[in-house]
Amino acid sequence: MTPTVARSNTPRTAPQILQTLEGRLAQQAHWRRALAVQRGEQSATDPDAYDLEELRDGLRLYGTREQQRRTVEGRKVLVTQRLTKRLADGNWATVYETEHVGTA
């Protein structure tokens, strides 16, 4: 007996689904939405797909996070940023989004 996967009309995709064949096909179709991919100007496959956790409309969220110690308004803080890719002007643009700011 194979487990069933809950389906919905939301563009959000759970990380465990991305590991299935159906999920991989969905993430590849999502990647190919970029005109730059279709024209061969960007890689045919996402080079960070191994770390992909979630898909949203025009947004890809990854497990990769970076931490940096910074000084903000005279205070030392630890900034955690998450790797994301946004569809912008037909290209996938890599953006590290601030996920958390805490005391260092």
PDB file of N, CA and C in Angstrom:
ATOM      1  N   MET A   1       0.842  -1.171   0.000  1.00  0.00           N
ATOM      2  CA  MET A   1       0.000   0.000   0.000  1.00  0.00           C
ATOM      3  C   MET A   1       0.897   1.248   0.000  1.00  0.00           C
ATOM      4  N   THR A   2       0.627   2.167  -0.891  1.00  0.00           N
ATOM      5  CA  THR A   2       1.420   3.399  -0.961  1.00  0.00           C
ATOM      6  C   THR A   2       0.724   4.499  -0.194  1.00  0.00           C
ATOM      7  N   PRO A   3       1.518   5.340   0.484  1.00  0.00           N
ATOM      8  CA  PRO A   3       0.885   6.445   1.218  1.00  0.00           C
ATOM      9  C   PRO A   3       0.306   7.462   0.256  1.00  0.00           C
ATOM     10  N   THR A   4      -0.795   8.054   0.654  1.00  0.00           N
ATOM     11  CA  THR A   4      -1.403   9.088  -0.179  1.00  0.00           C
ATOM     12  C   THR A   4      -0.841  10.440   0.208  1.00  0.00           C
ATOM     13  N   VAL A   5      -0.770  11.314  -0.749  1.00  0.00           N
ATOM     14  CA  VAL A   5      -0.276  12.659  -0.523  1.00  0.00           C
ATOM     15  C   VAL A   5      -1.456  13.606  -0.599  1.00  0.00           C
ATOM     16  N   ALA A   6      -1.629  14.390   0.447  1.00  0.00           N
ATOM     17  CA  ALA A   6      -2.727  15.364   0.452  1.00  0.00           C
ATOM     18  C   ALA A   6      -2.467  16.408  -0.625  1.00  0.00           C
ATOM     19  N   ARG A   7      -3.468  16.729  -1.368  1.00  0.00           N
ATOM     20  CA  ARG A   7      -3.347  17.724  -2.430  1.00  0.00           C
ATOM     21  C   ARG A   7      -4.187  18.941  -2.067  1.00  0.00           C
ATOM     22  N   SER A   8      -3.707  20.078  -2.492  1.00  0.00           N
ATOM     23  CA  SER A   8      -4.474  21.298  -2.286  1.00  0.00           C
ATOM     24  C   SER A   8      -4.215  22.232  -3.448  1.00  0.00           C
ATOM     25  N   ASN A   9      -4.950  23.302  -3.511  1.00  0.00           N
ATOM     26  CA  ASN A   9      -4.791  24.267  -4.587  1.00  0.00           C
ATOM     27  C   ASN A   9      -3.777  25.353  -4.258  1.00  0.00           C
ATOM     28  N   THR A  10      -3.135  25.254  -3.106  1.00  0.00           N
ATOM     29  CA  THR A  10      -2.151  26.250  -2.709  1.00  0.00           C
ATOM     30  C   THR A  10      -0.813  25.987  -3.406  1.00  0.00           C
ATOM     31  N   PRO A  11      -0.087  27.047  -3.766  1.00  0.00           N
ATOM     32  CA  PRO A  11       1.200  26.850  -4.430  1.00  0.00           C
ATOM     33  C   PRO A  11       2.304  26.427  -3.474  1.00  0.00           C
ATOM     34  N   ARG A  12       2.033  26.317  -2.195  1.00  0.00           N
ATOM     35  CA  ARG A  12       3.018  25.938  -1.195  1.00  0.00           C
ATOM     36  C   ARG A  12       3.236  24.424  -1.256  1.00  0.00           C
ATOM     37  N   THR A  13       4.474  23.988  -1.136  1.00  0.00           N
ATOM     38  CA  THR A  13       4.792  22.569  -1.214  1.00  0.00           C
ATOM     39  C   THR A  13       5.574  22.153   0.024  1.00  0.00           C
ATOM     40  N   ALA A  14       5.167  21.076   0.661  1.00  0.00           N
ATOM     41  CA  ALA A  14       5.843  20.584   1.865  1.00  0.00           C
ATOM     42  C   ALA A  14       7.186  19.958   1.500  1.00  0.00           C
ATOM     43  N   PRO A  15       8.203  20.091   2.374  1.00  0.00           N
ATOM     44  CA  PRO A  15       9.536  19.560   2.075  1.00  0.00           C
ATOM     45  C   PRO A  15       9.539  18.067   1.789  1.00  0.00           C
ATOM     46  N   GLN A  16       8.764  17.258   2.523  1.00  0.00           N
ATOM     47  CA  GLN A  16       8.778  15.813   2.312  1.00  0.00           C
ATOM     48  C   GLN A  16       8.225  15.427   0.939  1.00  0.00           C
ATOM     49  N   ILE A  17       7.314  16.221   0.386  1.00  0.00           N
ATOM     50  CA  ILE A  17       6.769  15.937  -0.937  1.00  0.00           C
ATOM     51  C   ILE A  17       7.824  16.180  -2.015  1.00  0.00           C
ATOM     52  N   LEU A  18       8.718  17.167  -1.778  1.00  0.00           N
ATOM     53  CA  LEU A  18       9.743  17.484  -2.772  1.00  0.00           C
ATOM     54  C   LEU A  18      10.718  16.341  -2.977  1.00  0.00           C
ATOM     55  N   GLN A  19      10.772  15.389  -2.053  1.00  0.00           N
ATOM     56  CA  GLN A  19      11.682  14.256  -2.179  1.00  0.00           C
ATOM     57  C   GLN A  19      11.085  13.117  -3.009  1.00  0.00           C
ATOM     58  N   THR A  20       9.816  13.186  -3.347  1.00  0.00           N
ATOM     59  CA  THR A  20       9.185  12.155  -4.155  1.00  0.00           C
ATOM     60  C   THR A  20       9.366  12.484  -5.632  1.00  0.00           C
ATOM     61  N   LEU A  21       9.136  11.516  -6.492  1.00  0.00           N
ATOM     62  CA  LEU A  21       9.238  11.752  -7.926  1.00  0.00           C
ATOM     63  C   LEU A  21       8.258  12.839  -8.351  1.00  0.00           C
ATOM     64  N   GLU A  22       7.045  12.766  -7.845  1.00  0.00           N
ATOM     65  CA  GLU A  22       6.037  13.781  -8.162  1.00  0.00           C
ATOM     66  C   GLU A  22       6.524  15.159  -7.718  1.00  0.00           C
ATOM     67  N   GLY A  23       7.113  15.223  -6.547  1.00  0.00           N
ATOM     68  CA  GLY A  23       7.625  16.484  -6.025  1.00  0.00           C
ATOM     69  C   GLY A  23       8.777  17.019  -6.848  1.00  0.00           C
ATOM     70  N   ARG A  24       9.648  16.135  -7.278  1.00  0.00           N
ATOM     71  CA  ARG A  24      10.784  16.575  -8.099  1.00  0.00           C
ATOM     72  C   ARG A  24      10.320  17.095  -9.453  1.00  0.00           C
ATOM     73  N   LEU A  25       9.317  16.458 -10.011  1.00  0.00           N
ATOM     74  CA  LEU A  25       8.764  16.944 -11.278  1.00  0.00           C
ATOM     75  C   LEU A  25       8.111  18.308 -11.075  1.00  0.00           C
ATOM     76  N   ALA A  26       7.428  18.483  -9.935  1.00  0.00           N
ATOM     77  CA  ALA A  26       6.785  19.766  -9.637  1.00  0.00           C
ATOM     78  C   ALA A  26       7.826  20.862  -9.446  1.00  0.00           C
ATOM     79  N   GLN A  27       8.917  20.556  -8.733  1.00  0.00           N
ATOM     80  CA  GLN A  27       9.932  21.588  -8.520  1.00  0.00           C
ATOM     81  C   GLN A  27      10.662  21.912  -9.809  1.00  0.00           C
ATOM     82  N   GLN A  28      10.817  20.940 -10.700  1.00  0.00           N
ATOM     83  CA  GLN A  28      11.457  21.215 -11.990  1.00  0.00           C
ATOM     84  C   GLN A  28      10.545  22.091 -12.864  1.00  0.00           C
ATOM     85  N   ALA A  29       9.247  21.804 -12.854  1.00  0.00           N
ATOM     86  CA  ALA A  29       8.297  22.631 -13.610  1.00  0.00           C
ATOM     87  C   ALA A  29       8.290  24.053 -13.047  1.00  0.00           C
ATOM     88  N   HIS A  30       8.363  24.167 -11.734  1.00  0.00           N
ATOM     89  CA  HIS A  30       8.417  25.471 -11.074  1.00  0.00           C
ATOM     90  C   HIS A  30       9.674  26.228 -11.527  1.00  0.00           C
ATOM     91  N   TRP A  31      10.824  25.552 -11.573  1.00  0.00           N
ATOM     92  CA  TRP A  31      12.086  26.163 -12.001  1.00  0.00           C
ATOM     93  C   TRP A  31      11.996  26.651 -13.442  1.00  0.00           C
ATOM     94  N   ARG A  32      11.323  25.881 -14.285  1.00  0.00           N
ATOM     95  CA  ARG A  32      11.233  26.221 -15.706  1.00  0.00           C
ATOM     96  C   ARG A  32      10.276  27.373 -15.996  1.00  0.00           C
ATOM     97  N   ARG A  33       9.623  27.907 -14.982  1.00  0.00           N
ATOM     98  CA  ARG A  33       8.769  29.085 -15.190  1.00  0.00           C
ATOM     99  C   ARG A  33       9.588  30.305 -15.613  1.00  0.00           C
ATOM    100  N   ALA A  34      10.865  30.307 -15.277  1.00  0.00           N
ATOM    101  CA  ALA A  34      11.720  31.452 -15.605  1.00  0.00           C
ATOM    102  C   ALA A  34      12.043  31.447 -17.099  1.00  0.00           C
ATOM    103  N   LEU A  35      11.807  32.567 -17.743  1.00  0.00           N
ATOM    104  CA  LEU A  35      12.131  32.684 -19.166  1.00  0.00           C
ATOM    105  C   LEU A  35      13.614  32.456 -19.419  1.00  0.00           C
ATOM    106  N   ALA A  36      14.451  32.878 -18.481  1.00  0.00           N
ATOM    107  CA  ALA A  36      15.899  32.693 -18.639  1.00  0.00           C
ATOM    108  C   ALA A  36      16.263  31.210 -18.676  1.00  0.00           C
ATOM    109  N   VAL A  37      15.552  30.385 -17.933  1.00  0.00           N
ATOM    110  CA  VAL A  37      15.776  28.935 -17.971  1.00  0.00           C
ATOM    111  C   VAL A  37      15.325  28.403 -19.324  1.00  0.00           C
ATOM    112  N   GLN A  38      14.168  28.822 -19.772  1.00  0.00           N
ATOM    113  CA  GLN A  38      13.635  28.353 -21.056  1.00  0.00           C
ATOM    114  C   GLN A  38      14.533  28.733 -22.223  1.00  0.00           C
ATOM    115  N   ARG A  39      15.187  29.900 -22.130  1.00  0.00           N
ATOM    116  CA  ARG A  39      16.071  30.366 -23.201  1.00  0.00           C
ATOM    117  C   ARG A  39      17.498  29.851 -23.058  1.00  0.00           C
ATOM    118  N   GLY A  40      17.779  29.124 -21.994  1.00  0.00           N
ATOM    119  CA  GLY A  40      19.121  28.593 -21.775  1.00  0.00           C
ATOM    120  C   GLY A  40      20.082  29.588 -21.144  1.00  0.00           C
ATOM    121  N   GLU A  41      19.580  30.700 -20.639  1.00  0.00           N
ATOM    122  CA  GLU A  41      20.430  31.712 -20.012  1.00  0.00           C
ATOM    123  C   GLU A  41      20.731  31.387 -18.550  1.00  0.00           C
ATOM    124  N   GLN A  42      19.894  30.561 -17.941  1.00  0.00           N
ATOM    125  CA  GLN A  42      20.137  30.040 -16.599  1.00  0.00           C
ATOM    126  C   GLN A  42      20.118  28.524 -16.697  1.00  0.00           C
ATOM    127  N   SER A  43      20.724  27.886 -15.729  1.00  0.00           N
ATOM    128  CA  SER A  43      20.829  26.428 -15.707  1.00  0.00           C
ATOM    129  C   SER A  43      19.461  25.765 -15.912  1.00  0.00           C
ATOM    130  N   ALA A  44      19.453  24.640 -16.618  1.00  0.00           N
ATOM    131  CA  ALA A  44      18.207  23.905 -16.873  1.00  0.00           C
ATOM    132  C   ALA A  44      17.649  23.290 -15.593  1.00  0.00           C
ATOM    133  N   THR A  45      18.497  23.078 -14.609  1.00  0.00           N
ATOM    134  CA  THR A  45      18.063  22.571 -13.305  1.00  0.00           C
ATOM    135  C   THR A  45      18.600  23.483 -12.218  1.00  0.00           C
ATOM    136  N   ASP A  46      17.902  23.552 -11.134  1.00  0.00           N
ATOM    137  CA  ASP A  46      18.303  24.390 -10.003  1.00  0.00           C
ATOM    138  C   ASP A  46      19.536  23.778  -9.348  1.00  0.00           C
ATOM    139  N   PRO A  47      20.668  24.488  -9.328  1.00  0.00           N
ATOM    140  CA  PRO A  47      21.874  23.929  -8.723  1.00  0.00           C
ATOM    141  C   PRO A  47      21.758  23.725  -7.216  1.00  0.00           C
ATOM    142  N   ASP A  48      20.757  24.320  -6.584  1.00  0.00           N
ATOM    143  CA  ASP A  48      20.546  24.164  -5.147  1.00  0.00           C
ATOM    144  C   ASP A  48      19.340  23.288  -4.827  1.00  0.00           C
ATOM    145  N   ALA A  49      18.842  22.551  -5.802  1.00  0.00           N
ATOM    146  CA  ALA A  49      17.620  21.756  -5.633  1.00  0.00           C
ATOM    147  C   ALA A  49      17.739  20.742  -4.494  1.00  0.00           C
ATOM    148  N   TYR A  50      18.946  20.238  -4.238  1.00  0.00           N
ATOM    149  CA  TYR A  50      19.147  19.253  -3.173  1.00  0.00           C
ATOM    150  C   TYR A  50      18.736  19.802  -1.797  1.00  0.00           C
ATOM    151  N   ASP A  51      18.736  21.131  -1.646  1.00  0.00           N
ATOM    152  CA  ASP A  51      18.451  21.767  -0.370  1.00  0.00           C
ATOM    153  C   ASP A  51      17.094  22.481  -0.361  1.00  0.00           C
ATOM    154  N   LEU A  52      16.321  22.313  -1.418  1.00  0.00           N
ATOM    155  CA  LEU A  52      15.024  22.981  -1.546  1.00  0.00           C
ATOM    156  C   LEU A  52      14.049  22.446  -0.503  1.00  0.00           C
ATOM    157  N   GLU A  53      13.399  23.361   0.201  1.00  0.00           N
ATOM    158  CA  GLU A  53      12.441  22.963   1.236  1.00  0.00           C
ATOM    159  C   GLU A  53      11.003  23.307   0.898  1.00  0.00           C
ATOM    160  N   GLU A  54      10.803  24.385   0.147  1.00  0.00           N
ATOM    161  CA  GLU A  54       9.429  24.835  -0.081  1.00  0.00           C
ATOM    162  C   GLU A  54       9.331  25.638  -1.373  1.00  0.00           C
ATOM    163  N   LEU A  55       8.205  25.460  -2.054  1.00  0.00           N
ATOM    164  CA  LEU A  55       7.895  26.232  -3.255  1.00  0.00           C
ATOM    165  C   LEU A  55       6.681  27.106  -2.982  1.00  0.00           C
ATOM    166  N   ARG A  56       6.753  28.334  -3.466  1.00  0.00           N
ATOM    167  CA  ARG A  56       5.597  29.228  -3.441  1.00  0.00           C
ATOM    168  C   ARG A  56       5.555  29.885  -4.808  1.00  0.00           C
ATOM    169  N   ASP A  57       4.525  30.627  -5.082  1.00  0.00           N
ATOM    170  CA  ASP A  57       4.399  31.275  -6.375  1.00  0.00           C
ATOM    171  C   ASP A  57       5.549  32.265  -6.569  1.00  0.00           C
ATOM    172  N   GLY A  58       6.463  31.952  -7.481  1.00  0.00           N
ATOM    173  CA  GLY A  58       7.597  32.826  -7.769  1.00  0.00           C
ATOM    174  C   GLY A  58       8.654  32.870  -6.689  1.00  0.00           C
ATOM    175  N   LEU A  59       8.656  31.884  -5.786  1.00  0.00           N
ATOM    176  CA  LEU A  59       9.597  31.877  -4.667  1.00  0.00           C
ATOM    177  C   LEU A  59      10.017  30.445  -4.344  1.00  0.00           C
ATOM    178  N   ARG A  60      11.310  30.269  -4.101  1.00  0.00           N
ATOM    179  CA  ARG A  60      11.866  28.978  -3.708  1.00  0.00           C
ATOM    180  C   ARG A  60      12.618  29.195  -2.387  1.00  0.00           C
ATOM    181  N   LEU A  61      12.322  28.371  -1.382  1.00  0.00           N
ATOM    182  CA  LEU A  61      12.937  28.492  -0.062  1.00  0.00           C
ATOM    183  C   LEU A  61      13.818  27.272   0.196  1.00  0.00           C
ATOM    184  N   TYR A  62      15.016  27.523   0.699  1.00  0.00           N
ATOM    185  CA  TYR A  62      16.014  26.473   0.891  1.00  0.00           C
ATOM    186  C   TYR A  62      16.375  26.317   2.361  1.00  0.00           C
ATOM    187  N   GLY A  63      16.986  25.199   2.687  1.00  0.00           N
ATOM    188  CA  GLY A  63      17.429  24.924   4.050  1.00  0.00           C
ATOM    189  C   GLY A  63      18.714  25.640   4.420  1.00  0.00           C
ATOM    190  N   THR A  64      19.411  26.183   3.450  1.00  0.00           N
ATOM    191  CA  THR A  64      20.675  26.866   3.697  1.00  0.00           C
ATOM    192  C   THR A  64      20.440  28.158   4.471  1.00  0.00           C
ATOM    193  N   ARG A  65      21.156  28.281   5.572  1.00  0.00           N
ATOM    194  CA  ARG A  65      21.090  29.495   6.383  1.00  0.00           C
ATOM    195  C   ARG A  65      22.505  29.925   6.725  1.00  0.00           C
ATOM    196  N   GLU A  66      22.709  31.218   6.759  1.00  0.00           N
ATOM    197  CA  GLU A  66      24.004  31.775   7.133  1.00  0.00           C
ATOM    198  C   GLU A  66      23.823  32.671   8.335  1.00  0.00           C
ATOM    199  N   GLN A  67      24.811  32.640   9.216  1.00  0.00           N
ATOM    200  CA  GLN A  67      24.776  33.508  10.386  1.00  0.00           C
ATOM    201  C   GLN A  67      25.978  34.441  10.354  1.00  0.00           C
ATOM    202  N   GLN A  68      25.732  35.673  10.719  1.00  0.00           N
ATOM    203  CA  GLN A  68      26.788  36.685  10.756  1.00  0.00           C
ATOM    204  C   GLN A  68      26.621  37.530  12.013  1.00  0.00           C
ATOM    205  N   ARG A  69      27.751  37.857  12.609  1.00  0.00           N
ATOM    206  CA  ARG A  69      27.734  38.791  13.744  1.00  0.00           C
ATOM    207  C   ARG A  69      27.873  40.195  13.164  1.00  0.00           C
ATOM    208  N   ARG A  70      26.985  41.084  13.584  1.00  0.00           N
ATOM    209  CA  ARG A  70      26.989  42.462  13.085  1.00  0.00           C
ATOM    210  C   ARG A  70      26.755  43.423  14.244  1.00  0.00           C
ATOM    211  N   THR A  71      27.049  44.664  13.978  1.00  0.00           N
ATOM    212  CA  THR A  71      26.723  45.719  14.930  1.00  0.00           C
ATOM    213  C   THR A  71      25.599  46.542  14.318  1.00  0.00           C
ATOM    214  N   VAL A  72      24.472  46.584  15.014  1.00  0.00           N
ATOM    215  CA  VAL A  72      23.301  47.326  14.557  1.00  0.00           C
ATOM    216  C   VAL A  72      22.917  48.306  15.658  1.00  0.00           C
ATOM    217  N   GLU A  73      22.933  49.589  15.331  1.00  0.00           N
ATOM    218  CA  GLU A  73      22.608  50.648  16.285  1.00  0.00           C
ATOM    219  C   GLU A  73      23.431  50.512  17.559  1.00  0.00           C
ATOM    220  N   GLY A  74      24.719  50.196  17.388  1.00  0.00           N
ATOM    221  CA  GLY A  74      25.632  50.105  18.512  1.00  0.00           C
ATOM    222  C   GLY A  74      25.556  48.811  19.306  1.00  0.00           C
ATOM    223  N   ARG A  75      24.684  47.885  18.901  1.00  0.00           N
ATOM    224  CA  ARG A  75      24.552  46.595  19.606  1.00  0.00           C
ATOM    225  C   ARG A  75      25.090  45.476  18.742  1.00  0.00           C
ATOM    226  N   LYS A  76      25.755  44.509  19.379  1.00  0.00           N
ATOM    227  CA  LYS A  76      26.224  43.334  18.651  1.00  0.00           C
ATOM    228  C   LYS A  76      25.061  42.352  18.547  1.00  0.00           C
ATOM    229  N   VAL A  77      24.776  41.928  17.319  1.00  0.00           N
ATOM    230  CA  VAL A  77      23.667  41.005  17.086  1.00  0.00           C
ATOM    231  C   VAL A  77      24.133  39.859  16.185  1.00  0.00           C
ATOM    232  N   LEU A  78      23.385  38.769  16.253  1.00  0.00           N
ATOM    233  CA  LEU A  78      23.610  37.617  15.380  1.00  0.00           C
ATOM    234  C   LEU A  78      22.454  37.586  14.389  1.00  0.00           C
ATOM    235  N   VAL A  79      22.783  37.720  13.105  1.00  0.00           N
ATOM    236  CA  VAL A  79      21.771  37.772  12.052  1.00  0.00           C
ATOM    237  C   VAL A  79      21.757  36.439  11.315  1.00  0.00           C
ATOM    238  N   THR A  80      20.592  35.811  11.233  1.00  0.00           N
ATOM    239  CA  THR A  80      20.425  34.568  10.483  1.00  0.00           C
ATOM    240  C   THR A  80      19.682  34.894   9.201  1.00  0.00           C
ATOM    241  N   GLN A  81      20.289  34.495   8.075  1.00  0.00           N
ATOM    242  CA  GLN A  81      19.673  34.728   6.770  1.00  0.00           C
ATOM    243  C   GLN A  81      19.454  33.392   6.069  1.00  0.00           C
ATOM    244  N   ARG A  82      18.363  33.313   5.321  1.00  0.00           N
ATOM    245  CA  ARG A  82      17.978  32.087   4.615  1.00  0.00           C
ATOM    246  C   ARG A  82      18.112  32.282   3.121  1.00  0.00           C
ATOM    247  N   LEU A  83      18.650  31.275   2.454  1.00  0.00           N
ATOM    248  CA  LEU A  83      18.759  31.300   1.003  1.00  0.00           C
ATOM    249  C   LEU A  83      17.374  31.167   0.385  1.00  0.00           C
ATOM    250  N   THR A  84      17.041  32.105  -0.491  1.00  0.00           N
ATOM    251  CA  THR A  84      15.801  32.049  -1.252  1.00  0.00           C
ATOM    252  C   THR A  84      16.115  32.413  -2.695  1.00  0.00           C
ATOM    253  N   LYS A  85      15.232  32.060  -3.581  1.00  0.00           N
ATOM    254  CA  LYS A  85      15.324  32.501  -4.974  1.00  0.00           C
ATOM    255  C   LYS A  85      13.959  33.027  -5.362  1.00  0.00           C
ATOM    256  N   ARG A  86      13.970  34.221  -5.955  1.00  0.00           N
ATOM    257  CA  ARG A  86      12.737  34.879  -6.383  1.00  0.00           C
ATOM    258  C   ARG A  86      12.746  35.029  -7.893  1.00  0.00           C
ATOM    259  N   LEU A  87      11.593  34.822  -8.480  1.00  0.00           N
ATOM    260  CA  LEU A  87      11.443  35.022  -9.912  1.00  0.00           C
ATOM    261  C   LEU A  87      11.261  36.512 -10.158  1.00  0.00           C
ATOM    262  N   ALA A  88      12.238  37.120 -10.834  1.00  0.00           N
ATOM    263  CA  ALA A  88      12.207  38.563 -11.079  1.00  0.00           C
ATOM    264  C   ALA A  88      12.670  38.834 -12.501  1.00  0.00           C
ATOM    265  N   ASP A  89      11.841  39.474 -13.269  1.00  0.00           N
ATOM    266  CA  ASP A  89      12.173  39.826 -14.654  1.00  0.00           C
ATOM    267  C   ASP A  89      12.604  38.608 -15.470  1.00  0.00           C
ATOM    268  N   GLY A  90      11.940  37.479 -15.244  1.00  0.00           N
ATOM    269  CA  GLY A  90      12.211  36.273 -16.020  1.00  0.00           C
ATOM    270  C   GLY A  90      13.423  35.484 -15.575  1.00  0.00           C
ATOM    271  N   ASN A  91      14.051  35.885 -14.458  1.00  0.00           N
ATOM    272  CA  ASN A  91      15.242  35.199 -13.934  1.00  0.00           C
ATOM    273  C   ASN A  91      15.013  34.774 -12.498  1.00  0.00           C
ATOM    274  N   TRP A  92      15.710  33.713 -12.082  1.00  0.00           N
ATOM    275  CA  TRP A  92      15.738  33.353 -10.678  1.00  0.00           C
ATOM    276  C   TRP A  92      16.855  34.152 -10.029  1.00  0.00           C
ATOM    277  N   ALA A  93      16.501  35.032  -9.112  1.00  0.00           N
ATOM    278  CA  ALA A  93      17.472  35.873  -8.408  1.00  0.00           C
ATOM    279  C   ALA A  93      17.690  35.307  -7.006  1.00  0.00           C
ATOM    280  N   THR A  94      18.956  35.083  -6.657  1.00  0.00           N
ATOM    281  CA  THR A  94      19.309  34.581  -5.335  1.00  0.00           C
ATOM    282  C   THR A  94      19.290  35.736  -4.334  1.00  0.00           C
ATOM    283  N   VAL A  95      18.553  35.516  -3.241  1.00  0.00           N
ATOM    284  CA  VAL A  95      18.419  36.536  -2.201  1.00  0.00           C
ATOM    285  C   VAL A  95      18.547  35.847  -0.846  1.00  0.00           C
ATOM    286  N   TYR A  96      19.428  36.369  -0.002  1.00  0.00           N
ATOM    287  CA  TYR A  96      19.491  35.892   1.388  1.00  0.00           C
ATOM    288  C   TYR A  96      18.595  36.802   2.208  1.00  0.00           C
ATOM    289  N   GLU A  97      17.473  36.246   2.687  1.00  0.00           N
ATOM    290  CA  GLU A  97      16.509  37.026   3.447  1.00  0.00           C
ATOM    291  C   GLU A  97      16.780  36.887   4.936  1.00  0.00           C
ATOM    292  N   THR A  98      16.708  37.997   5.654  1.00  0.00           N
ATOM    293  CA  THR A  98      16.900  37.966   7.096  1.00  0.00           C
ATOM    294  C   THR A  98      15.756  37.200   7.725  1.00  0.00           C
ATOM    295  N   GLU A  99      16.104  36.157   8.466  1.00  0.00           N
ATOM    296  CA  GLU A  99      15.105  35.301   9.090  1.00  0.00           C
ATOM    297  C   GLU A  99      14.989  35.591  10.600  1.00  0.00           C
ATOM    298  N   HIS A 100      16.135  35.951  11.199  1.00  0.00           N
ATOM    299  CA  HIS A 100      16.134  36.192  12.642  1.00  0.00           C
ATOM    300  C   HIS A 100      17.298  37.112  13.010  1.00  0.00           C
ATOM    301  N   VAL A 101      17.053  38.004  13.968  1.00  0.00           N
ATOM    302  CA  VAL A 101      18.097  38.850  14.534  1.00  0.00           C
ATOM    303  C   VAL A 101      18.019  38.668  16.044  1.00  0.00           C
ATOM    304  N   GLY A 102      19.135  38.212  16.630  1.00  0.00           N
ATOM    305  CA  GLY A 102      19.170  37.993  18.085  1.00  0.00           C
ATOM    306  C   GLY A 102      20.435  38.576  18.664  1.00  0.00           C
ATOM    307  N   THR A 103      20.535  38.533  19.960  1.00  0.00           N
ATOM    308  CA  THR A 103      21.730  39.060  20.607  1.00  0.00           C
ATOM    309  C   THR A 103      22.913  38.139  20.360  1.00  0.00           C
ATOM    310  N   ALA A 104      24.071  38.728  20.202  1.00  0.00           N
ATOM    311  CA  ALA A 104      25.270  37.947  19.908  1.00  0.00           C
ATOM    312  C   ALA A 104      25.941  37.490  21.172  1.00  0.00           C
TER     313      ALA A 104
END
